[in-house]
Amino acid sequence: MTTAVDSANSAPPVPVGVLIVDDQPPFRAVARTLVSLLKGWHVVGEVATGEDAVLAVGTTSPGIVLMDINLPGISGIEATRQITKAFPSVRVVLLSTYQADDLPADALSCGAAAYVRKEDLTPKVLREILLAA
């Protein structure tokens, strides 16, 4: 599998589409900026609810979804469960301000590829999550 990691001997990076799901516009703006710092990565959509996230995955075909846990309507955990069941190749990264020990129990079993505290989200962390595929 080709990834978006730069290498002198590799082919050009495969584009990675990212769907950002968060009900707070300021965080979506930060996430958009982080994604733009990764060569070959681009935002394919932004939504504010879990229901809209499930619908958007079907229309935007992202490789990665950055999913806030606390959303209006269905939670990010339930949206992740629905997305990973319907689109098993999509990697969902749960985001929140929770410490890992304080995560809701079902966050560990919803199908998410990773959990990242919002404060710890960086281009390097995003790249490492993709490489872990």
N, C-alpha and C. Protein backbone atom coordinates (compact mmCIF):
# COMPACT_ATOMS: atom_id res chain seq x y z
N MET A 1 0.84 -1.18 0.00
CA MET A 1 0.00 0.00 0.00
C MET A 1 0.88 1.24 0.00
N THR A 2 0.59 2.18 -0.85
CA THR A 2 1.31 3.44 -0.89
C THR A 2 0.68 4.40 0.10
N THR A 3 1.51 5.14 0.81
CA THR A 3 1.00 6.08 1.80
C THR A 3 1.40 7.50 1.45
N ALA A 4 0.95 8.43 2.25
CA ALA A 4 1.23 9.84 2.02
C ALA A 4 2.56 10.27 2.63
N VAL A 5 3.39 9.34 3.03
CA VAL A 5 4.67 9.69 3.64
C VAL A 5 5.68 10.00 2.55
N ASP A 6 6.42 11.07 2.72
CA ASP A 6 7.44 11.44 1.75
C ASP A 6 8.63 10.52 1.83
N SER A 7 9.16 10.14 0.69
CA SER A 7 10.36 9.33 0.64
C SER A 7 11.06 9.61 -0.68
N ALA A 8 12.36 9.71 -0.65
CA ALA A 8 13.12 10.03 -1.85
C ALA A 8 12.97 8.95 -2.91
N ASN A 9 12.75 7.70 -2.53
CA ASN A 9 12.68 6.60 -3.48
C ASN A 9 11.27 6.12 -3.76
N SER A 10 10.26 6.79 -3.28
CA SER A 10 8.91 6.29 -3.47
C SER A 10 8.19 7.07 -4.56
N ALA A 11 7.08 6.50 -5.01
CA ALA A 11 6.23 7.17 -5.98
C ALA A 11 5.57 8.36 -5.30
N PRO A 12 4.96 9.24 -6.10
CA PRO A 12 4.26 10.37 -5.49
C PRO A 12 3.20 9.86 -4.51
N PRO A 13 2.93 10.64 -3.45
CA PRO A 13 1.97 10.18 -2.44
C PRO A 13 0.57 10.01 -3.03
N VAL A 14 -0.12 9.02 -2.51
CA VAL A 14 -1.52 8.83 -2.86
C VAL A 14 -2.33 9.84 -2.07
N PRO A 15 -3.23 10.55 -2.71
CA PRO A 15 -4.02 11.53 -1.96
C PRO A 15 -4.82 10.86 -0.84
N VAL A 16 -4.88 11.53 0.30
CA VAL A 16 -5.65 11.05 1.43
C VAL A 16 -6.74 12.07 1.70
N GLY A 17 -7.98 11.65 1.52
CA GLY A 17 -9.12 12.51 1.80
C GLY A 17 -9.51 12.41 3.26
N VAL A 18 -9.79 13.55 3.88
CA VAL A 18 -10.11 13.59 5.30
C VAL A 18 -11.46 14.27 5.49
N LEU A 19 -12.34 13.61 6.24
CA LEU A 19 -13.60 14.20 6.65
C LEU A 19 -13.45 14.64 8.10
N ILE A 20 -13.76 15.90 8.37
CA ILE A 20 -13.66 16.45 9.73
C ILE A 20 -15.07 16.54 10.31
N VAL A 21 -15.24 15.94 11.50
CA VAL A 21 -16.54 15.92 12.16
C VAL A 21 -16.39 16.52 13.55
N ASP A 22 -16.91 17.72 13.73
CA ASP A 22 -16.86 18.40 15.02
C ASP A 22 -17.92 19.48 15.02
N ASP A 23 -18.59 19.66 16.14
CA ASP A 23 -19.64 20.68 16.21
C ASP A 23 -19.10 22.07 16.51
N GLN A 24 -17.79 22.20 16.70
CA GLN A 24 -17.19 23.49 17.00
C GLN A 24 -16.41 24.01 15.78
N PRO A 25 -16.89 25.07 15.13
CA PRO A 25 -16.19 25.60 13.96
C PRO A 25 -14.70 25.92 14.20
N PRO A 26 -14.32 26.47 15.38
CA PRO A 26 -12.89 26.74 15.58
C PRO A 26 -12.03 25.48 15.52
N PHE A 27 -12.51 24.37 16.07
CA PHE A 27 -11.72 23.14 15.99
C PHE A 27 -11.67 22.62 14.55
N ARG A 28 -12.78 22.73 13.82
CA ARG A 28 -12.74 22.30 12.42
C ARG A 28 -11.69 23.10 11.65
N ALA A 29 -11.59 24.38 11.95
CA ALA A 29 -10.59 25.22 11.27
C ALA A 29 -9.17 24.76 11.60
N VAL A 30 -8.92 24.43 12.86
CA VAL A 30 -7.60 23.93 13.27
C VAL A 30 -7.30 22.61 12.57
N ALA A 31 -8.27 21.70 12.56
CA ALA A 31 -8.07 20.41 11.92
C ALA A 31 -7.81 20.58 10.42
N ARG A 32 -8.54 21.48 9.78
CA ARG A 32 -8.33 21.76 8.36
C ARG A 32 -6.90 22.22 8.10
N THR A 33 -6.40 23.10 8.95
CA THR A 33 -5.03 23.59 8.81
C THR A 33 -4.02 22.45 8.98
N LEU A 34 -4.23 21.59 9.98
CA LEU A 34 -3.32 20.46 10.20
C LEU A 34 -3.28 19.54 8.99
N VAL A 35 -4.44 19.25 8.45
CA VAL A 35 -4.51 18.37 7.27
C VAL A 35 -3.78 19.01 6.10
N SER A 36 -3.92 20.31 5.93
CA SER A 36 -3.28 20.99 4.80
C SER A 36 -1.76 20.96 4.88
N LEU A 37 -1.21 20.69 6.05
CA LEU A 37 0.24 20.64 6.22
C LEU A 37 0.84 19.32 5.75
N LEU A 38 0.00 18.34 5.45
CA LEU A 38 0.49 17.03 5.01
C LEU A 38 0.40 16.93 3.49
N LYS A 39 1.52 16.70 2.86
CA LYS A 39 1.57 16.59 1.41
C LYS A 39 0.66 15.45 0.94
N GLY A 40 -0.21 15.75 0.01
CA GLY A 40 -1.10 14.75 -0.54
C GLY A 40 -2.40 14.57 0.23
N TRP A 41 -2.54 15.24 1.36
CA TRP A 41 -3.77 15.13 2.16
C TRP A 41 -4.65 16.34 1.84
N HIS A 42 -5.96 16.13 1.87
CA HIS A 42 -6.89 17.22 1.64
C HIS A 42 -8.21 16.93 2.34
N VAL A 43 -8.90 17.98 2.72
CA VAL A 43 -10.20 17.86 3.39
C VAL A 43 -11.25 17.66 2.31
N VAL A 44 -12.04 16.58 2.46
CA VAL A 44 -13.11 16.31 1.50
C VAL A 44 -14.46 16.79 2.01
N GLY A 45 -14.52 17.13 3.29
CA GLY A 45 -15.76 17.64 3.85
C GLY A 45 -15.65 17.93 5.32
N GLU A 46 -16.59 18.72 5.81
CA GLU A 46 -16.69 19.06 7.22
C GLU A 46 -18.15 19.02 7.61
N VAL A 47 -18.45 18.35 8.71
CA VAL A 47 -19.82 18.28 9.20
C VAL A 47 -19.81 18.44 10.72
N ALA A 48 -21.01 18.73 11.27
CA ALA A 48 -21.09 19.05 12.70
C ALA A 48 -21.86 18.02 13.53
N THR A 49 -22.43 16.97 12.89
CA THR A 49 -23.20 15.99 13.66
C THR A 49 -22.79 14.57 13.25
N GLY A 50 -23.10 13.63 14.12
CA GLY A 50 -22.83 12.24 13.82
C GLY A 50 -23.64 11.74 12.64
N GLU A 51 -24.91 12.13 12.57
CA GLU A 51 -25.76 11.72 11.45
C GLU A 51 -25.19 12.23 10.13
N ASP A 52 -24.76 13.49 10.11
CA ASP A 52 -24.18 14.04 8.89
C ASP A 52 -22.87 13.35 8.54
N ALA A 53 -22.13 12.92 9.53
CA ALA A 53 -20.87 12.21 9.28
C ALA A 53 -21.13 10.91 8.54
N VAL A 54 -22.12 10.15 9.00
CA VAL A 54 -22.45 8.86 8.36
C VAL A 54 -22.84 9.10 6.90
N LEU A 55 -23.66 10.10 6.65
CA LEU A 55 -24.07 10.43 5.28
C LEU A 55 -22.88 10.91 4.45
N ALA A 56 -22.04 11.75 5.03
CA ALA A 56 -20.93 12.35 4.29
C ALA A 56 -19.88 11.32 3.87
N VAL A 57 -19.67 10.30 4.68
CA VAL A 57 -18.70 9.27 4.29
C VAL A 57 -19.13 8.62 2.98
N GLY A 58 -20.43 8.39 2.82
CA GLY A 58 -20.94 7.79 1.60
C GLY A 58 -20.79 8.66 0.37
N THR A 59 -20.78 9.97 0.55
CA THR A 59 -20.70 10.87 -0.60
C THR A 59 -19.31 11.43 -0.86
N THR A 60 -18.44 11.44 0.16
CA THR A 60 -17.11 12.05 -0.02
C THR A 60 -15.99 11.03 -0.09
N SER A 61 -16.24 9.79 0.30
CA SER A 61 -15.25 8.70 0.26
C SER A 61 -13.91 9.06 0.90
N PRO A 62 -13.90 9.48 2.16
CA PRO A 62 -12.63 9.80 2.80
C PRO A 62 -11.83 8.55 3.13
N GLY A 63 -10.53 8.72 3.28
CA GLY A 63 -9.69 7.64 3.78
C GLY A 63 -9.66 7.66 5.29
N ILE A 64 -9.77 8.87 5.84
CA ILE A 64 -9.72 9.07 7.29
C ILE A 64 -10.84 10.02 7.70
N VAL A 65 -11.46 9.70 8.84
CA VAL A 65 -12.46 10.60 9.44
C VAL A 65 -11.92 11.02 10.80
N LEU A 66 -11.84 12.32 11.02
CA LEU A 66 -11.49 12.86 12.33
C LEU A 66 -12.80 13.14 13.04
N MET A 67 -13.12 12.33 14.07
CA MET A 67 -14.45 12.30 14.67
C MET A 67 -14.43 12.73 16.13
N ASP A 68 -15.09 13.85 16.42
CA ASP A 68 -15.28 14.26 17.81
C ASP A 68 -16.20 13.24 18.48
N ILE A 69 -15.96 12.96 19.75
CA ILE A 69 -16.81 12.01 20.48
C ILE A 69 -18.15 12.64 20.85
N ASN A 70 -18.12 13.87 21.35
CA ASN A 70 -19.34 14.53 21.82
C ASN A 70 -19.93 15.39 20.71
N LEU A 71 -21.03 14.90 20.15
CA LEU A 71 -21.69 15.59 19.05
C LEU A 71 -23.18 15.70 19.34
N PRO A 72 -23.84 16.69 18.75
CA PRO A 72 -25.30 16.71 18.85
C PRO A 72 -25.88 15.52 18.07
N GLY A 73 -27.01 15.01 18.51
CA GLY A 73 -27.59 13.84 17.86
C GLY A 73 -26.84 12.60 18.30
N ILE A 74 -26.57 11.69 17.37
CA ILE A 74 -25.82 10.49 17.75
C ILE A 74 -24.38 10.88 18.07
N SER A 75 -23.80 10.17 19.00
CA SER A 75 -22.42 10.49 19.42
C SER A 75 -21.43 10.11 18.33
N GLY A 76 -20.23 10.61 18.48
CA GLY A 76 -19.16 10.21 17.56
C GLY A 76 -18.85 8.73 17.66
N ILE A 77 -19.08 8.16 18.82
CA ILE A 77 -18.84 6.72 19.00
C ILE A 77 -19.85 5.92 18.18
N GLU A 78 -21.13 6.29 18.25
CA GLU A 78 -22.14 5.59 17.47
C GLU A 78 -21.94 5.83 15.97
N ALA A 79 -21.60 7.05 15.59
CA ALA A 79 -21.34 7.34 14.18
C ALA A 79 -20.15 6.50 13.68
N THR A 80 -19.13 6.36 14.51
CA THR A 80 -17.97 5.54 14.15
C THR A 80 -18.39 4.09 13.94
N ARG A 81 -19.21 3.59 14.83
CA ARG A 81 -19.71 2.21 14.72
C ARG A 81 -20.42 2.02 13.36
N GLN A 82 -21.28 2.95 13.00
CA GLN A 82 -22.02 2.85 11.75
C GLN A 82 -21.10 2.98 10.54
N ILE A 83 -20.15 3.90 10.60
CA ILE A 83 -19.24 4.12 9.48
C ILE A 83 -18.35 2.91 9.25
N THR A 84 -17.74 2.40 10.32
CA THR A 84 -16.80 1.28 10.15
C THR A 84 -17.52 0.00 9.73
N LYS A 85 -18.79 -0.12 10.08
CA LYS A 85 -19.56 -1.29 9.63
C LYS A 85 -19.88 -1.17 8.13
N ALA A 86 -20.30 0.00 7.69
CA ALA A 86 -20.69 0.20 6.29
C ALA A 86 -19.50 0.42 5.37
N PHE A 87 -18.40 0.97 5.90
CA PHE A 87 -17.23 1.32 5.09
C PHE A 87 -15.97 0.85 5.82
N PRO A 88 -15.70 -0.45 5.83
CA PRO A 88 -14.60 -0.98 6.64
C PRO A 88 -13.21 -0.46 6.26
N SER A 89 -13.04 0.09 5.08
CA SER A 89 -11.71 0.60 4.71
C SER A 89 -11.45 2.01 5.23
N VAL A 90 -12.48 2.68 5.74
CA VAL A 90 -12.31 4.04 6.27
C VAL A 90 -11.77 3.95 7.69
N ARG A 91 -10.72 4.71 7.96
CA ARG A 91 -10.12 4.75 9.30
C ARG A 91 -10.70 5.95 10.05
N VAL A 92 -11.33 5.68 11.18
CA VAL A 92 -11.91 6.75 11.99
C VAL A 92 -11.01 6.97 13.20
N VAL A 93 -10.67 8.23 13.41
CA VAL A 93 -9.88 8.63 14.57
C VAL A 93 -10.80 9.41 15.49
N LEU A 94 -11.03 8.87 16.69
CA LEU A 94 -11.84 9.57 17.68
C LEU A 94 -11.03 10.69 18.30
N LEU A 95 -11.67 11.82 18.50
CA LEU A 95 -11.03 12.99 19.09
C LEU A 95 -11.88 13.51 20.24
N SER A 96 -11.23 13.96 21.28
CA SER A 96 -11.91 14.60 22.39
C SER A 96 -10.88 15.21 23.32
N THR A 97 -11.36 15.81 24.37
CA THR A 97 -10.46 16.34 25.39
C THR A 97 -10.29 15.37 26.54
N TYR A 98 -10.98 14.22 26.49
CA TYR A 98 -10.86 13.22 27.55
C TYR A 98 -9.44 12.68 27.66
N GLN A 99 -9.03 12.39 28.87
CA GLN A 99 -7.83 11.58 29.07
C GLN A 99 -8.19 10.16 28.63
N ALA A 100 -7.23 9.39 28.18
CA ALA A 100 -7.52 8.03 27.71
C ALA A 100 -8.23 7.20 28.77
N ASP A 101 -7.86 7.37 30.03
CA ASP A 101 -8.49 6.61 31.11
C ASP A 101 -9.95 7.01 31.35
N ASP A 102 -10.35 8.18 30.87
CA ASP A 102 -11.71 8.68 31.09
C ASP A 102 -12.64 8.47 29.90
N LEU A 103 -12.16 7.78 28.87
CA LEU A 103 -12.99 7.53 27.69
C LEU A 103 -14.20 6.68 28.05
N PRO A 104 -15.33 6.93 27.41
CA PRO A 104 -16.46 6.02 27.60
C PRO A 104 -16.04 4.60 27.18
N ALA A 105 -16.56 3.60 27.88
CA ALA A 105 -16.14 2.21 27.64
C ALA A 105 -16.34 1.79 26.19
N ASP A 106 -17.42 2.22 25.56
CA ASP A 106 -17.67 1.78 24.19
C ASP A 106 -16.77 2.46 23.16
N ALA A 107 -15.98 3.43 23.58
CA ALA A 107 -15.03 4.05 22.65
C ALA A 107 -13.98 3.05 22.19
N LEU A 108 -13.67 2.08 23.03
CA LEU A 108 -12.65 1.09 22.69
C LEU A 108 -13.16 -0.02 21.78
N SER A 109 -14.48 -0.14 21.65
CA SER A 109 -15.04 -1.23 20.86
C SER A 109 -15.88 -0.77 19.66
N CYS A 110 -15.81 0.50 19.31
CA CYS A 110 -16.67 1.03 18.26
C CYS A 110 -16.07 0.90 16.86
N GLY A 111 -14.84 0.44 16.77
CA GLY A 111 -14.21 0.28 15.46
C GLY A 111 -13.23 1.38 15.09
N ALA A 112 -13.02 2.33 15.98
CA ALA A 112 -12.08 3.42 15.69
C ALA A 112 -10.65 2.89 15.57
N ALA A 113 -9.90 3.48 14.67
CA ALA A 113 -8.50 3.09 14.47
C ALA A 113 -7.61 3.63 15.58
N ALA A 114 -8.02 4.76 16.17
CA ALA A 114 -7.19 5.38 17.21
C ALA A 114 -8.02 6.40 17.97
N TYR A 115 -7.50 6.77 19.14
CA TYR A 115 -8.04 7.89 19.90
C TYR A 115 -6.90 8.88 20.09
N VAL A 116 -7.19 10.15 19.83
CA VAL A 116 -6.20 11.20 20.00
C VAL A 116 -6.88 12.35 20.74
N ARG A 117 -6.21 12.81 21.80
CA ARG A 117 -6.70 14.02 22.46
C ARG A 117 -6.55 15.19 21.49
N LYS A 118 -7.53 16.06 21.48
CA LYS A 118 -7.49 17.19 20.55
C LYS A 118 -6.20 17.99 20.71
N GLU A 119 -5.73 18.13 21.94
CA GLU A 119 -4.51 18.89 22.19
C GLU A 119 -3.28 18.23 21.60
N ASP A 120 -3.36 16.92 21.34
CA ASP A 120 -2.21 16.17 20.84
C ASP A 120 -2.24 15.94 19.33
N LEU A 121 -3.26 16.45 18.66
CA LEU A 121 -3.39 16.23 17.22
C LEU A 121 -2.37 17.07 16.46
N THR A 122 -1.52 16.40 15.71
CA THR A 122 -0.49 17.06 14.91
C THR A 122 -0.41 16.35 13.56
N PRO A 123 0.22 16.98 12.56
CA PRO A 123 0.42 16.27 11.29
C PRO A 123 1.17 14.95 11.48
N LYS A 124 2.16 14.94 12.36
CA LYS A 124 2.93 13.72 12.60
C LYS A 124 2.04 12.60 13.13
N VAL A 125 1.16 12.91 14.07
CA VAL A 125 0.25 11.91 14.63
C VAL A 125 -0.68 11.38 13.53
N LEU A 126 -1.21 12.27 12.68
CA LEU A 126 -2.08 11.82 11.60
C LEU A 126 -1.33 10.88 10.66
N ARG A 127 -0.12 11.22 10.31
CA ARG A 127 0.68 10.37 9.41
C ARG A 127 0.93 9.01 10.04
N GLU A 128 1.23 8.97 11.34
CA GLU A 128 1.49 7.69 12.03
C GLU A 128 0.24 6.81 12.05
N ILE A 129 -0.93 7.42 12.19
CA ILE A 129 -2.17 6.64 12.18
C ILE A 129 -2.38 6.01 10.80
N LEU A 130 -2.11 6.75 9.76
CA LEU A 130 -2.25 6.18 8.42
C LEU A 130 -1.25 5.05 8.20
N LEU A 131 -0.03 5.21 8.68
CA LEU A 131 0.99 4.17 8.51
C LEU A 131 0.66 2.91 9.27
N ALA A 132 -0.11 3.03 10.35
CA ALA A 132 -0.47 1.87 11.16
C ALA A 132 -1.49 0.97 10.46
N ALA A 133 -2.00 1.42 9.32
CA ALA A 133 -3.03 0.65 8.61
C ALA A 133 -2.51 -0.70 8.17
